[in-house]
Amino acid sequence: MANKAELILDSTPDDNFLEGHCSACKTTKFRLTGNTMDQKTLLRSMYDRHFRRVHSREDADNRISPIATDRL
């Protein structure tokens, strides 16, 4: 079973940048210069876009597959 996809922040509040990654995708990383609320909102929206494009389809496939298999 795959890891649950969530945004993991790698930067600290003292850093002058924001950095994070997707817990389910080893190579998906997000980085922004600055550490304001606007940048935090942008980082979250970047992750949300990634989640919708990659993991929403996986979740839908996982929900649909057992039903489709039962019908065969």
PDB file of N, CA and C in Angstrom:
ATOM      1  N   MET A   1       0.848  -1.194   0.000  1.00  0.00           N
ATOM      2  CA  MET A   1       0.000   0.000   0.000  1.00  0.00           C
ATOM      3  C   MET A   1       0.887   1.248   0.000  1.00  0.00           C
ATOM      4  N   ALA A   2       0.531   2.243  -0.767  1.00  0.00           N
ATOM      5  CA  ALA A   2       1.310   3.465  -0.886  1.00  0.00           C
ATOM      6  C   ALA A   2       1.135   4.345   0.340  1.00  0.00           C
ATOM      7  N   ASN A   3       2.143   5.193   0.565  1.00  0.00           N
ATOM      8  CA  ASN A   3       2.044   6.162   1.648  1.00  0.00           C
ATOM      9  C   ASN A   3       0.914   7.133   1.371  1.00  0.00           C
ATOM     10  N   LYS A   4       0.273   7.599   2.430  1.00  0.00           N
ATOM     11  CA  LYS A   4      -0.730   8.638   2.268  1.00  0.00           C
ATOM     12  C   LYS A   4      -0.016   9.913   1.833  1.00  0.00           C
ATOM     13  N   ALA A   5      -0.535  10.536   0.811  1.00  0.00           N
ATOM     14  CA  ALA A   5       0.089  11.746   0.285  1.00  0.00           C
ATOM     15  C   ALA A   5      -0.268  12.940   1.157  1.00  0.00           C
ATOM     16  N   GLU A   6       0.768  13.623   1.630  1.00  0.00           N
ATOM     17  CA  GLU A   6       0.567  14.857   2.384  1.00  0.00           C
ATOM     18  C   GLU A   6       1.789  15.738   2.228  1.00  0.00           C
ATOM     19  N   LEU A   7       1.604  17.023   2.473  1.00  0.00           N
ATOM     20  CA  LEU A   7       2.692  17.982   2.374  1.00  0.00           C
ATOM     21  C   LEU A   7       3.520  17.921   3.648  1.00  0.00           C
ATOM     22  N   ILE A   8       4.826  17.713   3.494  1.00  0.00           N
ATOM     23  CA  ILE A   8       5.761  17.702   4.615  1.00  0.00           C
ATOM     24  C   ILE A   8       6.654  18.925   4.464  1.00  0.00           C
ATOM     25  N   LEU A   9       6.670  19.788   5.471  1.00  0.00           N
ATOM     26  CA  LEU A   9       7.532  20.971   5.433  1.00  0.00           C
ATOM     27  C   LEU A   9       8.917  20.599   5.951  1.00  0.00           C
ATOM     28  N   ASP A  10       9.933  20.950   5.160  1.00  0.00           N
ATOM     29  CA  ASP A  10      11.317  20.661   5.528  1.00  0.00           C
ATOM     30  C   ASP A  10      12.028  21.885   6.081  1.00  0.00           C
ATOM     31  N   SER A  11      11.491  23.062   5.865  1.00  0.00           N
ATOM     32  CA  SER A  11      12.109  24.286   6.354  1.00  0.00           C
ATOM     33  C   SER A  11      11.610  24.593   7.768  1.00  0.00           C
ATOM     34  N   THR A  12      12.339  25.463   8.444  1.00  0.00           N
ATOM     35  CA  THR A  12      11.957  25.879   9.795  1.00  0.00           C
ATOM     36  C   THR A  12      11.438  27.317   9.737  1.00  0.00           C
ATOM     37  N   PRO A  13      10.751  27.768  10.771  1.00  0.00           N
ATOM     38  CA  PRO A  13      10.251  29.148  10.771  1.00  0.00           C
ATOM     39  C   PRO A  13      11.362  30.200  10.672  1.00  0.00           C
ATOM     40  N   ASP A  14      12.580  29.848  11.065  1.00  0.00           N
ATOM     41  CA  ASP A  14      13.700  30.801  11.000  1.00  0.00           C
ATOM     42  C   ASP A  14      14.335  30.887   9.616  1.00  0.00           C
ATOM     43  N   ASP A  15      14.058  29.937   8.741  1.00  0.00           N
ATOM     44  CA  ASP A  15      14.637  29.947   7.396  1.00  0.00           C
ATOM     45  C   ASP A  15      14.048  31.088   6.572  1.00  0.00           C
ATOM     46  N   ASN A  16      14.836  31.575   5.607  1.00  0.00           N
ATOM     47  CA  ASN A  16      14.370  32.628   4.705  1.00  0.00           C
ATOM     48  C   ASN A  16      13.824  32.024   3.410  1.00  0.00           C
ATOM     49  N   PHE A  17      13.351  30.801   3.492  1.00  0.00           N
ATOM     50  CA  PHE A  17      12.764  30.100   2.356  1.00  0.00           C
ATOM     51  C   PHE A  17      11.766  29.091   2.901  1.00  0.00           C
ATOM     52  N   LEU A  18      10.923  28.616   2.021  1.00  0.00           N
ATOM     53  CA  LEU A  18       9.997  27.533   2.359  1.00  0.00           C
ATOM     54  C   LEU A  18      10.348  26.343   1.489  1.00  0.00           C
ATOM     55  N   GLU A  19      10.424  25.195   2.100  1.00  0.00           N
ATOM     56  CA  GLU A  19      10.738  23.986   1.362  1.00  0.00           C
ATOM     57  C   GLU A  19       9.891  22.847   1.908  1.00  0.00           C
ATOM     58  N   GLY A  20       9.357  22.058   1.005  1.00  0.00           N
ATOM     59  CA  GLY A  20       8.552  20.920   1.412  1.00  0.00           C
ATOM     60  C   GLY A  20       8.577  19.849   0.350  1.00  0.00           C
ATOM     61  N   HIS A  21       7.964  18.718   0.673  1.00  0.00           N
ATOM     62  CA  HIS A  21       7.889  17.625  -0.291  1.00  0.00           C
ATOM     63  C   HIS A  21       6.618  16.830  -0.066  1.00  0.00           C
ATOM     64  N   CYS A  22       6.270  16.042  -1.073  1.00  0.00           N
ATOM     65  CA  CYS A  22       5.122  15.149  -0.986  1.00  0.00           C
ATOM     66  C   CYS A  22       5.585  13.868  -0.313  1.00  0.00           C
ATOM     67  N   SER A  23       4.862  13.434   0.705  1.00  0.00           N
ATOM     68  CA  SER A  23       5.260  12.243   1.450  1.00  0.00           C
ATOM     69  C   SER A  23       5.180  10.965   0.621  1.00  0.00           C
ATOM     70  N   ALA A  24       4.411  10.964  -0.444  1.00  0.00           N
ATOM     71  CA  ALA A  24       4.241   9.762  -1.264  1.00  0.00           C
ATOM     72  C   ALA A  24       5.108   9.754  -2.521  1.00  0.00           C
ATOM     73  N   CYS A  25       5.677  10.888  -2.871  1.00  0.00           N
ATOM     74  CA  CYS A  25       6.480  10.994  -4.096  1.00  0.00           C
ATOM     75  C   CYS A  25       7.899  11.406  -3.729  1.00  0.00           C
ATOM     76  N   LYS A  26       8.847  10.516  -3.932  1.00  0.00           N
ATOM     77  CA  LYS A  26      10.222  10.781  -3.515  1.00  0.00           C
ATOM     78  C   LYS A  26      10.842  11.979  -4.223  1.00  0.00           C
ATOM     79  N   THR A  27      10.467  12.236  -5.452  1.00  0.00           N
ATOM     80  CA  THR A  27      11.127  13.290  -6.226  1.00  0.00           C
ATOM     81  C   THR A  27      10.336  14.589  -6.303  1.00  0.00           C
ATOM     82  N   THR A  28       9.175  14.670  -5.698  1.00  0.00           N
ATOM     83  CA  THR A  28       8.355  15.881  -5.782  1.00  0.00           C
ATOM     84  C   THR A  28       8.677  16.799  -4.614  1.00  0.00           C
ATOM     85  N   LYS A  29       9.322  17.918  -4.945  1.00  0.00           N
ATOM     86  CA  LYS A  29       9.729  18.886  -3.924  1.00  0.00           C
ATOM     87  C   LYS A  29       9.218  20.269  -4.308  1.00  0.00           C
ATOM     88  N   PHE A  30       9.005  21.093  -3.307  1.00  0.00           N
ATOM     89  CA  PHE A  30       8.518  22.457  -3.503  1.00  0.00           C
ATOM     90  C   PHE A  30       9.456  23.392  -2.746  1.00  0.00           C
ATOM     91  N   ARG A  31       9.843  24.509  -3.376  1.00  0.00           N
ATOM     92  CA  ARG A  31      10.735  25.460  -2.714  1.00  0.00           C
ATOM     93  C   ARG A  31      10.407  26.872  -3.184  1.00  0.00           C
ATOM     94  N   LEU A  32      10.314  27.773  -2.227  1.00  0.00           N
ATOM     95  CA  LEU A  32      10.048  29.185  -2.506  1.00  0.00           C
ATOM     96  C   LEU A  32      10.995  30.048  -1.676  1.00  0.00           C
ATOM     97  N   THR A  33      11.399  31.172  -2.234  1.00  0.00           N
ATOM     98  CA  THR A  33      12.171  32.145  -1.481  1.00  0.00           C
ATOM     99  C   THR A  33      11.215  32.971  -0.645  1.00  0.00           C
ATOM    100  N   GLY A  34      11.572  33.217   0.601  1.00  0.00           N
ATOM    101  CA  GLY A  34      10.722  33.970   1.509  1.00  0.00           C
ATOM    102  C   GLY A  34       9.987  33.042   2.458  1.00  0.00           C
ATOM    103  N   ASN A  35       9.450  33.621   3.517  1.00  0.00           N
ATOM    104  CA  ASN A  35       8.766  32.808   4.514  1.00  0.00           C
ATOM    105  C   ASN A  35       7.599  33.606   5.110  1.00  0.00           C
ATOM    106  N   THR A  36       6.800  34.207   4.226  1.00  0.00           N
ATOM    107  CA  THR A  36       5.651  34.984   4.678  1.00  0.00           C
ATOM    108  C   THR A  36       4.380  34.149   4.522  1.00  0.00           C
ATOM    109  N   MET A  37       3.297  34.664   5.014  1.00  0.00           N
ATOM    110  CA  MET A  37       2.026  33.952   4.883  1.00  0.00           C
ATOM    111  C   MET A  37       1.648  33.784   3.410  1.00  0.00           C
ATOM    112  N   ASP A  38       1.953  34.774   2.574  1.00  0.00           N
ATOM    113  CA  ASP A  38       1.670  34.658   1.135  1.00  0.00           C
ATOM    114  C   ASP A  38       2.442  33.503   0.513  1.00  0.00           C
ATOM    115  N   GLN A  39       3.721  33.360   0.872  1.00  0.00           N
ATOM    116  CA  GLN A  39       4.513  32.256   0.337  1.00  0.00           C
ATOM    117  C   GLN A  39       4.011  30.911   0.869  1.00  0.00           C
ATOM    118  N   LYS A  40       3.590  30.876   2.132  1.00  0.00           N
ATOM    119  CA  LYS A  40       3.040  29.633   2.685  1.00  0.00           C
ATOM    120  C   LYS A  40       1.768  29.238   1.952  1.00  0.00           C
ATOM    121  N   THR A  41       0.950  30.220   1.629  1.00  0.00           N
ATOM    122  CA  THR A  41      -0.277  29.949   0.879  1.00  0.00           C
ATOM    123  C   THR A  41       0.055  29.448  -0.522  1.00  0.00           C
ATOM    124  N   LEU A  42       1.061  30.056  -1.163  1.00  0.00           N
ATOM    125  CA  LEU A  42       1.476  29.627  -2.495  1.00  0.00           C
ATOM    126  C   LEU A  42       2.049  28.218  -2.462  1.00  0.00           C
ATOM    127  N   LEU A  43       2.871  27.908  -1.468  1.00  0.00           N
ATOM    128  CA  LEU A  43       3.429  26.557  -1.345  1.00  0.00           C
ATOM    129  C   LEU A  43       2.313  25.533  -1.196  1.00  0.00           C
ATOM    130  N   ARG A  44       1.323  25.857  -0.378  1.00  0.00           N
ATOM    131  CA  ARG A  44       0.195  24.946  -0.184  1.00  0.00           C
ATOM    132  C   ARG A  44      -0.586  24.759  -1.486  1.00  0.00           C
ATOM    133  N   SER A  45      -0.773  25.840  -2.247  1.00  0.00           N
ATOM    134  CA  SER A  45      -1.513  25.712  -3.505  1.00  0.00           C
ATOM    135  C   SER A  45      -0.716  24.910  -4.529  1.00  0.00           C
ATOM    136  N   MET A  46       0.620  25.017  -4.502  1.00  0.00           N
ATOM    137  CA  MET A  46       1.454  24.198  -5.383  1.00  0.00           C
ATOM    138  C   MET A  46       1.268  22.717  -5.046  1.00  0.00           C
ATOM    139  N   TYR A  47       1.283  22.406  -3.753  1.00  0.00           N
ATOM    140  CA  TYR A  47       1.084  21.021  -3.333  1.00  0.00           C
ATOM    141  C   TYR A  47      -0.329  20.542  -3.692  1.00  0.00           C
ATOM    142  N   ASP A  48      -1.320  21.374  -3.444  1.00  0.00           N
ATOM    143  CA  ASP A  48      -2.706  20.995  -3.758  1.00  0.00           C
ATOM    144  C   ASP A  48      -2.869  20.672  -5.238  1.00  0.00           C
ATOM    145  N   ARG A  49      -2.221  21.463  -6.082  1.00  0.00           N
ATOM    146  CA  ARG A  49      -2.283  21.205  -7.526  1.00  0.00           C
ATOM    147  C   ARG A  49      -1.638  19.858  -7.848  1.00  0.00           C
ATOM    148  N   HIS A  50      -0.478  19.590  -7.258  1.00  0.00           N
ATOM    149  CA  HIS A  50       0.188  18.290  -7.434  1.00  0.00           C
ATOM    150  C   HIS A  50      -0.729  17.164  -6.965  1.00  0.00           C
ATOM    151  N   PHE A  51      -1.336  17.323  -5.796  1.00  0.00           N
ATOM    152  CA  PHE A  51      -2.199  16.285  -5.236  1.00  0.00           C
ATOM    153  C   PHE A  51      -3.366  15.973  -6.165  1.00  0.00           C
ATOM    154  N   ARG A  52      -4.011  17.031  -6.671  1.00  0.00           N
ATOM    155  CA  ARG A  52      -5.156  16.817  -7.567  1.00  0.00           C
ATOM    156  C   ARG A  52      -4.736  16.101  -8.850  1.00  0.00           C
ATOM    157  N   ARG A  53      -3.584  16.466  -9.393  1.00  0.00           N
ATOM    158  CA  ARG A  53      -3.136  15.873 -10.658  1.00  0.00           C
ATOM    159  C   ARG A  53      -2.643  14.438 -10.495  1.00  0.00           C
ATOM    160  N   VAL A  54      -2.010  14.131  -9.373  1.00  0.00           N
ATOM    161  CA  VAL A  54      -1.379  12.822  -9.215  1.00  0.00           C
ATOM    162  C   VAL A  54      -2.183  11.902  -8.307  1.00  0.00           C
ATOM    163  N   HIS A  55      -2.516  12.353  -7.135  1.00  0.00           N
ATOM    164  CA  HIS A  55      -3.076  11.456  -6.122  1.00  0.00           C
ATOM    165  C   HIS A  55      -4.598  11.346  -6.158  1.00  0.00           C
ATOM    166  N   SER A  56      -5.288  12.332  -6.662  1.00  0.00           N
ATOM    167  CA  SER A  56      -6.745  12.216  -6.768  1.00  0.00           C
ATOM    168  C   SER A  56      -7.107  11.094  -7.731  1.00  0.00           C
ATOM    169  N   ARG A  57      -6.352  10.955  -8.791  1.00  0.00           N
ATOM    170  CA  ARG A  57      -6.587   9.875  -9.752  1.00  0.00           C
ATOM    171  C   ARG A  57      -6.295   8.519  -9.119  1.00  0.00           C
ATOM    172  N   GLU A  58      -5.213   8.436  -8.331  1.00  0.00           N
ATOM    173  CA  GLU A  58      -4.882   7.176  -7.652  1.00  0.00           C
ATOM    174  C   GLU A  58      -5.990   6.787  -6.694  1.00  0.00           C
ATOM    175  N   ASP A  59      -6.477   7.755  -5.921  1.00  0.00           N
ATOM    176  CA  ASP A  59      -7.559   7.478  -4.972  1.00  0.00           C
ATOM    177  C   ASP A  59      -8.804   7.015  -5.703  1.00  0.00           C
ATOM    178  N   ALA A  60      -9.123   7.656  -6.811  1.00  0.00           N
ATOM    179  CA  ALA A  60     -10.304   7.271  -7.582  1.00  0.00           C
ATOM    180  C   ALA A  60     -10.113   5.875  -8.165  1.00  0.00           C
ATOM    181  N   ASP A  61      -8.929   5.590  -8.682  1.00  0.00           N
ATOM    182  CA  ASP A  61      -8.654   4.259  -9.227  1.00  0.00           C
ATOM    183  C   ASP A  61      -8.777   3.192  -8.147  1.00  0.00           C
ATOM    184  N   ASN A  62      -8.279   3.488  -6.959  1.00  0.00           N
ATOM    185  CA  ASN A  62      -8.351   2.523  -5.861  1.00  0.00           C
ATOM    186  C   ASN A  62      -9.787   2.282  -5.417  1.00  0.00           C
ATOM    187  N   ARG A  63     -10.618   3.303  -5.467  1.00  0.00           N
ATOM    188  CA  ARG A  63     -12.015   3.132  -5.073  1.00  0.00           C
ATOM    189  C   ARG A  63     -12.804   2.395  -6.141  1.00  0.00           C
ATOM    190  N   ILE A  64     -12.499   2.649  -7.410  1.00  0.00           N
ATOM    191  CA  ILE A  64     -13.267   2.078  -8.504  1.00  0.00           C
ATOM    192  C   ILE A  64     -12.839   0.629  -8.796  1.00  0.00           C
ATOM    193  N   SER A  65     -11.576   0.329  -8.701  1.00  0.00           N
ATOM    194  CA  SER A  65     -11.080  -0.991  -9.081  1.00  0.00           C
ATOM    195  C   SER A  65     -11.793  -2.149  -8.408  1.00  0.00           C
ATOM    196  N   PRO A  66     -11.980  -2.171  -7.083  1.00  0.00           N
ATOM    197  CA  PRO A  66     -12.649  -3.314  -6.475  1.00  0.00           C
ATOM    198  C   PRO A  66     -14.071  -3.514  -6.986  1.00  0.00           C
ATOM    199  N   ILE A  67     -14.780  -2.439  -7.229  1.00  0.00           N
ATOM    200  CA  ILE A  67     -16.151  -2.539  -7.722  1.00  0.00           C
ATOM    201  C   ILE A  67     -16.144  -3.122  -9.128  1.00  0.00           C
ATOM    202  N   ALA A  68     -15.270  -2.612  -9.981  1.00  0.00           N
ATOM    203  CA  ALA A  68     -15.191  -3.102 -11.350  1.00  0.00           C
ATOM    204  C   ALA A  68     -14.756  -4.573 -11.361  1.00  0.00           C
ATOM    205  N   THR A  69     -13.848  -4.959 -10.502  1.00  0.00           N
ATOM    206  CA  THR A  69     -13.382  -6.346 -10.436  1.00  0.00           C
ATOM    207  C   THR A  69     -14.504  -7.279 -10.002  1.00  0.00           C
ATOM    208  N   ASP A  70     -15.336  -6.840  -9.054  1.00  0.00           N
ATOM    209  CA  ASP A  70     -16.430  -7.670  -8.578  1.00  0.00           C
ATOM    210  C   ASP A  70     -17.439  -7.972  -9.682  1.00  0.00           C
ATOM    211  N   ARG A  71     -17.569  -7.064 -10.616  1.00  0.00           N
ATOM    212  CA  ARG A  71     -18.557  -7.229 -11.691  1.00  0.00           C
ATOM    213  C   ARG A  71     -18.086  -8.170 -12.775  1.00  0.00           C
ATOM    214  N   LEU A  72     -16.801  -8.433 -12.850  1.00  0.00           N
ATOM    215  CA  LEU A  72     -16.277  -9.282 -13.938  1.00  0.00           C
ATOM    216  C   LEU A  72     -16.540 -10.739 -13.688  1.00  0.00           C
TER     217      LEU A  72
END
